[in-house]
Each structure stands twice: as C-alpha cells, then as structure tokens.
Amino acid sequence: MTEIHAAMAGSVWKIIAEKGKTIKSGEDIAILESMKMEIPISSTTDGILKEWKVAEGDFVDDGDVIAVIE
C-alpha cells in the first residue's frame, strides 16, 4: 500500500484517475490549484487506485494524503 501525498497546500481542482483504475508510476492522478497555478499530483508507484482521501474542491495541506494505491 502506497499513500500519495500533496506536494503543497492548495485546493483539489480536478481528480483525473478513477478508483479501481490501474495506475503507472509517474501518471498524473489529480490536479491541485494553488496561487492560481495548476500542480499535477503523480503516482509514485505502479498499482491499483484503491481509495481517494479527498474530493474535488477540498483544501489540502502540504503532506496530506490524497489517495491510496495498492
């Protein structure tokens, strides 16, 4: 099990990957919006996206868990 963390504080602008989807390392799974910039959040491992810990519009702090990949 691998947790994907927010790289910085911001709002979850868009969730790209669907729960249950096979994800490759480096693949973008969500986009944060911070200071009017879009910051892609990428998977750090290959696996299946098991759980989202956030929803579109949620605010996250640096280091918060975004998703779980197994």
N, C-alpha and C. Protein backbone atom coordinates (compact mmCIF):
# COMPACT_ATOMS: atom_id res chain seq x y z
N MET A 1 0.84 -1.18 0.00
CA MET A 1 0.00 0.00 0.00
C MET A 1 0.89 1.24 0.00
N THR A 2 0.61 2.16 -0.91
CA THR A 2 1.36 3.40 -1.01
C THR A 2 0.40 4.57 -0.90
N GLU A 3 0.73 5.51 -0.04
CA GLU A 3 -0.06 6.73 0.08
C GLU A 3 0.55 7.81 -0.79
N ILE A 4 -0.31 8.52 -1.52
CA ILE A 4 0.12 9.64 -2.35
C ILE A 4 -0.19 10.91 -1.57
N HIS A 5 0.81 11.78 -1.41
CA HIS A 5 0.68 12.97 -0.59
C HIS A 5 0.66 14.24 -1.44
N ALA A 6 0.03 15.28 -0.91
CA ALA A 6 0.03 16.60 -1.55
C ALA A 6 1.43 17.18 -1.47
N ALA A 7 1.88 17.74 -2.58
CA ALA A 7 3.21 18.34 -2.63
C ALA A 7 3.23 19.74 -2.02
N MET A 8 2.06 20.35 -1.93
CA MET A 8 1.95 21.69 -1.35
C MET A 8 0.49 21.93 -0.96
N ALA A 9 0.25 22.99 -0.22
CA ALA A 9 -1.12 23.33 0.16
C ALA A 9 -1.87 23.89 -1.04
N GLY A 10 -3.14 23.55 -1.13
CA GLY A 10 -3.97 24.05 -2.22
C GLY A 10 -5.31 23.34 -2.26
N SER A 11 -6.10 23.66 -3.25
CA SER A 11 -7.41 23.04 -3.43
C SER A 11 -7.32 21.94 -4.47
N VAL A 12 -8.06 20.87 -4.26
CA VAL A 12 -8.13 19.80 -5.25
C VAL A 12 -9.01 20.32 -6.38
N TRP A 13 -8.37 20.66 -7.47
CA TRP A 13 -9.08 21.25 -8.61
C TRP A 13 -9.78 20.19 -9.44
N LYS A 14 -9.05 19.08 -9.71
CA LYS A 14 -9.63 18.03 -10.55
C LYS A 14 -9.05 16.67 -10.17
N ILE A 15 -9.92 15.68 -10.09
CA ILE A 15 -9.49 14.29 -9.91
C ILE A 15 -9.51 13.65 -11.29
N ILE A 16 -8.36 13.13 -11.72
CA ILE A 16 -8.21 12.59 -13.07
C ILE A 16 -8.48 11.09 -13.12
N ALA A 17 -7.89 10.36 -12.18
CA ALA A 17 -7.95 8.89 -12.21
C ALA A 17 -9.16 8.39 -11.42
N GLU A 18 -9.76 7.33 -11.91
CA GLU A 18 -10.92 6.72 -11.26
C GLU A 18 -10.48 5.64 -10.28
N LYS A 19 -11.23 5.53 -9.20
CA LYS A 19 -11.00 4.46 -8.22
C LYS A 19 -11.11 3.12 -8.93
N GLY A 20 -10.16 2.21 -8.66
CA GLY A 20 -10.14 0.89 -9.28
C GLY A 20 -9.29 0.82 -10.54
N LYS A 21 -8.82 1.98 -11.01
CA LYS A 21 -8.01 2.03 -12.23
C LYS A 21 -6.57 1.60 -11.95
N THR A 22 -5.97 0.91 -12.92
CA THR A 22 -4.55 0.58 -12.83
C THR A 22 -3.74 1.84 -13.16
N ILE A 23 -2.82 2.18 -12.27
CA ILE A 23 -2.02 3.40 -12.37
C ILE A 23 -0.56 3.02 -12.57
N LYS A 24 0.13 3.78 -13.40
CA LYS A 24 1.58 3.60 -13.61
C LYS A 24 2.32 4.67 -12.82
N SER A 25 3.51 4.36 -12.38
CA SER A 25 4.36 5.32 -11.70
C SER A 25 4.58 6.54 -12.61
N GLY A 26 4.41 7.73 -12.07
CA GLY A 26 4.59 8.95 -12.83
C GLY A 26 3.31 9.46 -13.49
N GLU A 27 2.25 8.65 -13.48
CA GLU A 27 0.98 9.05 -14.09
C GLU A 27 0.27 10.07 -13.20
N ASP A 28 -0.23 11.16 -13.79
CA ASP A 28 -0.98 12.16 -13.04
C ASP A 28 -2.32 11.57 -12.62
N ILE A 29 -2.67 11.78 -11.34
CA ILE A 29 -3.94 11.26 -10.84
C ILE A 29 -4.88 12.39 -10.40
N ALA A 30 -4.33 13.56 -10.10
CA ALA A 30 -5.14 14.69 -9.67
C ALA A 30 -4.38 15.99 -9.96
N ILE A 31 -5.12 17.10 -9.89
CA ILE A 31 -4.51 18.41 -10.09
C ILE A 31 -4.92 19.31 -8.93
N LEU A 32 -3.92 19.91 -8.28
CA LEU A 32 -4.17 20.89 -7.23
C LEU A 32 -4.11 22.28 -7.84
N GLU A 33 -4.82 23.22 -7.23
CA GLU A 33 -4.74 24.62 -7.62
C GLU A 33 -4.22 25.38 -6.41
N SER A 34 -3.13 26.10 -6.63
CA SER A 34 -2.53 26.88 -5.55
C SER A 34 -1.93 28.14 -6.15
N MET A 35 -2.31 29.28 -5.59
CA MET A 35 -1.78 30.57 -6.06
C MET A 35 -1.99 30.73 -7.57
N LYS A 36 -3.17 30.30 -8.03
CA LYS A 36 -3.58 30.41 -9.45
C LYS A 36 -2.72 29.57 -10.39
N MET A 37 -2.02 28.58 -9.84
CA MET A 37 -1.23 27.64 -10.65
C MET A 37 -1.84 26.25 -10.51
N GLU A 38 -1.75 25.46 -11.57
CA GLU A 38 -2.19 24.07 -11.53
C GLU A 38 -0.99 23.18 -11.27
N ILE A 39 -1.07 22.35 -10.23
CA ILE A 39 0.04 21.47 -9.84
C ILE A 39 -0.43 20.03 -9.97
N PRO A 40 0.13 19.28 -10.95
CA PRO A 40 -0.27 17.88 -11.08
C PRO A 40 0.30 17.04 -9.94
N ILE A 41 -0.52 16.09 -9.47
CA ILE A 41 -0.08 15.12 -8.46
C ILE A 41 0.05 13.79 -9.17
N SER A 42 1.26 13.22 -9.13
CA SER A 42 1.56 11.99 -9.85
C SER A 42 1.72 10.82 -8.89
N SER A 43 1.43 9.64 -9.38
CA SER A 43 1.64 8.42 -8.60
C SER A 43 3.13 8.17 -8.47
N THR A 44 3.52 7.64 -7.32
CA THR A 44 4.93 7.31 -7.10
C THR A 44 5.20 5.82 -7.31
N THR A 45 4.16 5.07 -7.69
CA THR A 45 4.29 3.63 -7.85
C THR A 45 3.26 3.10 -8.84
N ASP A 46 3.51 1.91 -9.36
CA ASP A 46 2.50 1.19 -10.15
C ASP A 46 1.52 0.52 -9.19
N GLY A 47 0.28 0.41 -9.61
CA GLY A 47 -0.70 -0.29 -8.78
C GLY A 47 -2.12 0.07 -9.15
N ILE A 48 -3.04 -0.28 -8.27
CA ILE A 48 -4.46 -0.01 -8.47
C ILE A 48 -4.87 1.08 -7.48
N LEU A 49 -5.55 2.10 -7.99
CA LEU A 49 -6.05 3.17 -7.14
C LEU A 49 -7.19 2.63 -6.28
N LYS A 50 -6.92 2.42 -5.00
CA LYS A 50 -7.88 1.80 -4.09
C LYS A 50 -8.82 2.80 -3.42
N GLU A 51 -8.29 4.00 -3.10
CA GLU A 51 -9.12 4.92 -2.33
C GLU A 51 -8.69 6.36 -2.54
N TRP A 52 -9.67 7.24 -2.68
CA TRP A 52 -9.44 8.68 -2.66
C TRP A 52 -9.68 9.16 -1.24
N LYS A 53 -8.78 9.96 -0.70
CA LYS A 53 -8.94 10.55 0.62
C LYS A 53 -9.49 11.97 0.54
N VAL A 54 -9.67 12.48 -0.70
CA VAL A 54 -10.15 13.84 -0.93
C VAL A 54 -11.20 13.82 -2.03
N ALA A 55 -11.89 14.94 -2.17
CA ALA A 55 -12.85 15.14 -3.26
C ALA A 55 -12.51 16.47 -3.94
N GLU A 56 -13.00 16.66 -5.15
CA GLU A 56 -12.78 17.92 -5.84
C GLU A 56 -13.33 19.05 -4.98
N GLY A 57 -12.54 20.11 -4.85
CA GLY A 57 -12.92 21.26 -4.05
C GLY A 57 -12.35 21.25 -2.64
N ASP A 58 -11.88 20.10 -2.17
CA ASP A 58 -11.29 20.02 -0.83
C ASP A 58 -9.99 20.81 -0.77
N PHE A 59 -9.69 21.39 0.40
CA PHE A 59 -8.41 22.03 0.63
C PHE A 59 -7.49 21.02 1.31
N VAL A 60 -6.25 20.95 0.86
CA VAL A 60 -5.25 20.06 1.46
C VAL A 60 -4.02 20.86 1.86
N ASP A 61 -3.35 20.39 2.90
CA ASP A 61 -2.08 20.98 3.33
C ASP A 61 -0.94 20.15 2.77
N ASP A 62 0.23 20.71 2.75
CA ASP A 62 1.43 20.00 2.31
C ASP A 62 1.58 18.73 3.13
N GLY A 63 1.69 17.59 2.44
CA GLY A 63 1.88 16.32 3.11
C GLY A 63 0.61 15.54 3.39
N ASP A 64 -0.56 16.15 3.20
CA ASP A 64 -1.81 15.42 3.41
C ASP A 64 -1.93 14.26 2.41
N VAL A 65 -2.54 13.17 2.86
CA VAL A 65 -2.75 12.01 1.98
C VAL A 65 -3.88 12.33 1.01
N ILE A 66 -3.59 12.13 -0.28
CA ILE A 66 -4.56 12.39 -1.35
C ILE A 66 -5.26 11.09 -1.75
N ALA A 67 -4.47 10.02 -1.93
CA ALA A 67 -5.00 8.76 -2.42
C ALA A 67 -4.16 7.59 -1.92
N VAL A 68 -4.73 6.38 -2.05
CA VAL A 68 -4.02 5.17 -1.66
C VAL A 68 -3.95 4.25 -2.89
N ILE A 69 -2.73 3.78 -3.19
CA ILE A 69 -2.51 2.88 -4.32
C ILE A 69 -1.97 1.57 -3.76
N GLU A 70 -2.53 0.48 -4.23
CA GLU A 70 -2.12 -0.85 -3.73
C GLU A 70 -1.56 -1.67 -4.86
